[in-house]
Amino acid sequence: MNFEEFQNQSRLYVIGALEPEELEQFDRERKKSGKRAEDFITHCYALHEAFALSLRSEKASASIKERLMSMVRELKQVTHARNAADVPLMTAATKQRRQDRSRCLLHRKRE
């Protein structure tokens, strides 16, 4: 692979578009090319970030907002159910032990 091919592969690497076989070949060439390769990859990442930051977001449509809110509600329900399952039920014996401890602590404070 010559350096021009490496540059083309670098652009694809930065956006995550290399296949596993291509990625192996790219990594080998990257190690062989050293600092020159790393500098070019860094440059590609900078361009990628600048491009991403330059994009304007579209206003969210009502359907997108509704889907998002539906996902949030579903997550809340799952989380609430999971938390409720984690809370042990208080049995009569547990209540009695708590009352006994409270009496014991009150008795100690009086002394």
C-alpha atoms as a PDB file:
ATOM      1  CA  MET A   1       0.000   0.000   0.000  1.00  0.00           C
ATOM      2  CA  ASN A   2       1.468   3.347  -0.985  1.00  0.00           C
ATOM      3  CA  PHE A   3       0.911   6.466   1.098  1.00  0.00           C
ATOM      4  CA  GLU A   4      -1.867   7.795  -1.133  1.00  0.00           C
ATOM      5  CA  GLU A   5      -3.809   4.566  -0.604  1.00  0.00           C
ATOM      6  CA  PHE A   6      -3.075   4.838   3.114  1.00  0.00           C
ATOM      7  CA  GLN A   7      -4.544   8.348   3.120  1.00  0.00           C
ATOM      8  CA  ASN A   8      -7.741   7.094   1.480  1.00  0.00           C
ATOM      9  CA  GLN A   9      -7.956   4.262   4.006  1.00  0.00           C
ATOM     10  CA  SER A  10      -7.344   6.756   6.836  1.00  0.00           C
ATOM     11  CA  ARG A  11     -10.393   8.742   5.854  1.00  0.00           C
ATOM     12  CA  LEU A  12     -12.493   5.582   5.970  1.00  0.00           C
ATOM     13  CA  TYR A  13     -10.863   4.545   9.250  1.00  0.00           C
ATOM     14  CA  VAL A  14     -11.830   7.815  10.941  1.00  0.00           C
ATOM     15  CA  ILE A  15     -15.510   7.350  10.110  1.00  0.00           C
ATOM     16  CA  GLY A  16     -15.433   3.656  11.040  1.00  0.00           C
ATOM     17  CA  ALA A  17     -16.042   2.349   7.535  1.00  0.00           C
ATOM     18  CA  LEU A  18     -13.217  -0.180   7.208  1.00  0.00           C
ATOM     19  CA  GLU A  19     -13.991  -3.894   7.037  1.00  0.00           C
ATOM     20  CA  PRO A  20     -12.130  -6.153   9.505  1.00  0.00           C
ATOM     21  CA  GLU A  21      -9.667  -7.347   6.833  1.00  0.00           C
ATOM     22  CA  GLU A  22      -9.034  -3.772   5.690  1.00  0.00           C
ATOM     23  CA  LEU A  23      -8.559  -2.709   9.305  1.00  0.00           C
ATOM     24  CA  GLU A  24      -5.826  -5.312   9.836  1.00  0.00           C
ATOM     25  CA  GLN A  25      -3.996  -4.165   6.706  1.00  0.00           C
ATOM     26  CA  PHE A  26      -4.471  -0.532   7.729  1.00  0.00           C
ATOM     27  CA  ASP A  27      -3.011  -1.169  11.201  1.00  0.00           C
ATOM     28  CA  ARG A  28       0.056  -2.859   9.700  1.00  0.00           C
ATOM     29  CA  GLU A  29       0.621   0.055   7.320  1.00  0.00           C
ATOM     30  CA  ARG A  30       0.006   2.547  10.117  1.00  0.00           C
ATOM     31  CA  LYS A  31       2.787   0.976  12.194  1.00  0.00           C
ATOM     32  CA  LYS A  32       5.148   0.937   9.199  1.00  0.00           C
ATOM     33  CA  SER A  33       4.485   4.574   8.304  1.00  0.00           C
ATOM     34  CA  GLY A  34       5.083   5.880  11.824  1.00  0.00           C
ATOM     35  CA  LYS A  35       4.754   9.583  12.624  1.00  0.00           C
ATOM     36  CA  ARG A  36       3.732  10.589   9.121  1.00  0.00           C
ATOM     37  CA  ALA A  37       0.744   8.226   9.312  1.00  0.00           C
ATOM     38  CA  GLU A  38      -0.225   9.349  12.826  1.00  0.00           C
ATOM     39  CA  ASP A  39      -0.084  13.003  11.773  1.00  0.00           C
ATOM     40  CA  PHE A  40      -2.372  12.327   8.825  1.00  0.00           C
ATOM     41  CA  ILE A  41      -4.857  10.377  10.967  1.00  0.00           C
ATOM     42  CA  THR A  42      -4.895  13.207  13.507  1.00  0.00           C
ATOM     43  CA  HIS A  43      -5.610  15.630  10.664  1.00  0.00           C
ATOM     44  CA  CYS A  44      -8.491  13.419   9.459  1.00  0.00           C
ATOM     45  CA  TYR A  45      -9.981  13.313  12.961  1.00  0.00           C
ATOM     46  CA  ALA A  46      -9.796  17.125  13.159  1.00  0.00           C
ATOM     47  CA  LEU A  47     -11.607  17.466   9.825  1.00  0.00           C
ATOM     48  CA  HIS A  48     -14.204  14.911  10.899  1.00  0.00           C
ATOM     49  CA  GLU A  49     -14.918  16.803  14.145  1.00  0.00           C
ATOM     50  CA  ALA A  50     -15.047  20.168  12.370  1.00  0.00           C
ATOM     51  CA  PHE A  51     -17.524  18.780   9.873  1.00  0.00           C
ATOM     52  CA  ALA A  52     -19.704  17.258  12.594  1.00  0.00           C
ATOM     53  CA  LEU A  53     -19.740  20.551  14.497  1.00  0.00           C
ATOM     54  CA  SER A  54     -20.675  22.491  11.370  1.00  0.00           C
ATOM     55  CA  LEU A  55     -23.887  20.540  10.817  1.00  0.00           C
ATOM     56  CA  ARG A  56     -27.106  22.185  11.883  1.00  0.00           C
ATOM     57  CA  SER A  57     -29.571  20.012  13.667  1.00  0.00           C
ATOM     58  CA  GLU A  58     -33.046  19.721  12.228  1.00  0.00           C
ATOM     59  CA  LYS A  59     -35.972  20.672  14.386  1.00  0.00           C
ATOM     60  CA  ALA A  60     -37.381  17.561  15.945  1.00  0.00           C
ATOM     61  CA  SER A  61     -40.700  16.573  14.527  1.00  0.00           C
ATOM     62  CA  ALA A  62     -43.656  15.688  16.723  1.00  0.00           C
ATOM     63  CA  SER A  63     -43.301  12.003  15.884  1.00  0.00           C
ATOM     64  CA  ILE A  64     -39.640  11.981  16.942  1.00  0.00           C
ATOM     65  CA  LYS A  65     -40.498  13.718  20.196  1.00  0.00           C
ATOM     66  CA  GLU A  66     -43.318  11.252  20.859  1.00  0.00           C
ATOM     67  CA  ARG A  67     -41.032   8.277  20.185  1.00  0.00           C
ATOM     68  CA  LEU A  68     -38.443   9.698  22.549  1.00  0.00           C
ATOM     69  CA  MET A  69     -40.998  10.348  25.286  1.00  0.00           C
ATOM     70  CA  SER A  70     -42.378   6.837  24.818  1.00  0.00           C
ATOM     71  CA  MET A  71     -38.899   5.407  25.292  1.00  0.00           C
ATOM     72  CA  VAL A  72     -38.410   7.519  28.443  1.00  0.00           C
ATOM     73  CA  ARG A  73     -41.757   6.376  29.887  1.00  0.00           C
ATOM     74  CA  GLU A  74     -40.922   2.746  29.124  1.00  0.00           C
ATOM     75  CA  LEU A  75     -37.524   3.096  30.766  1.00  0.00           C
ATOM     76  CA  LYS A  76     -39.123   4.628  33.861  1.00  0.00           C
ATOM     77  CA  GLN A  77     -41.578   1.735  34.111  1.00  0.00           C
ATOM     78  CA  VAL A  78     -38.822  -0.860  33.783  1.00  0.00           C
ATOM     79  CA  THR A  79     -36.656   0.951  36.328  1.00  0.00           C
ATOM     80  CA  HIS A  80     -39.569   1.332  38.750  1.00  0.00           C
ATOM     81  CA  ALA A  81     -40.474  -2.357  38.419  1.00  0.00           C
ATOM     82  CA  ARG A  82     -36.850  -3.381  38.934  1.00  0.00           C
ATOM     83  CA  ASN A  83     -36.534  -1.162  42.019  1.00  0.00           C
ATOM     84  CA  ALA A  84     -39.807  -2.451  43.441  1.00  0.00           C
ATOM     85  CA  ALA A  85     -38.603  -6.033  43.025  1.00  0.00           C
ATOM     86  CA  ASP A  86     -35.404  -5.195  44.894  1.00  0.00           C
ATOM     87  CA  VAL A  87     -37.255  -3.892  47.960  1.00  0.00           C
ATOM     88  CA  PRO A  88     -37.813  -6.745  50.410  1.00  0.00           C
ATOM     89  CA  LEU A  89     -41.256  -7.156  51.860  1.00  0.00           C
ATOM     90  CA  MET A  90     -41.485  -6.331  55.513  1.00  0.00           C
ATOM     91  CA  THR A  91     -42.758  -9.342  57.402  1.00  0.00           C
ATOM     92  CA  ALA A  92     -44.281  -9.316  60.855  1.00  0.00           C
ATOM     93  CA  ALA A  93     -41.002 -10.676  62.252  1.00  0.00           C
ATOM     94  CA  THR A  94     -39.064  -7.807  60.648  1.00  0.00           C
ATOM     95  CA  LYS A  95     -41.473  -5.278  62.146  1.00  0.00           C
ATOM     96  CA  GLN A  96     -41.109  -6.864  65.564  1.00  0.00           C
ATOM     97  CA  ARG A  97     -37.296  -6.749  65.393  1.00  0.00           C
ATOM     98  CA  ARG A  98     -37.378  -3.061  64.447  1.00  0.00           C
ATOM     99  CA  GLN A  99     -39.716  -2.285  67.324  1.00  0.00           C
ATOM    100  CA  ASP A 100     -37.470  -4.209  69.727  1.00  0.00           C
ATOM    101  CA  ARG A 101     -34.410  -2.273  68.534  1.00  0.00           C
ATOM    102  CA  SER A 102     -36.234   1.029  68.916  1.00  0.00           C
ATOM    103  CA  ARG A 103     -37.251   0.174  72.491  1.00  0.00           C
ATOM    104  CA  CYS A 104     -33.723  -0.889  73.288  1.00  0.00           C
ATOM    105  CA  LEU A 105     -32.294   2.381  71.944  1.00  0.00           C
ATOM    106  CA  LEU A 106     -34.869   4.444  73.857  1.00  0.00           C
ATOM    107  CA  HIS A 107     -34.099   2.547  77.028  1.00  0.00           C
ATOM    108  CA  ARG A 108     -30.362   3.206  76.613  1.00  0.00           C
ATOM    109  CA  LYS A 109     -30.942   6.952  76.085  1.00  0.00           C
ATOM    110  CA  ARG A 110     -32.934   7.203  79.324  1.00  0.00           C
ATOM    111  CA  GLU A 111     -30.100   5.723  81.339  1.00  0.00           C
END
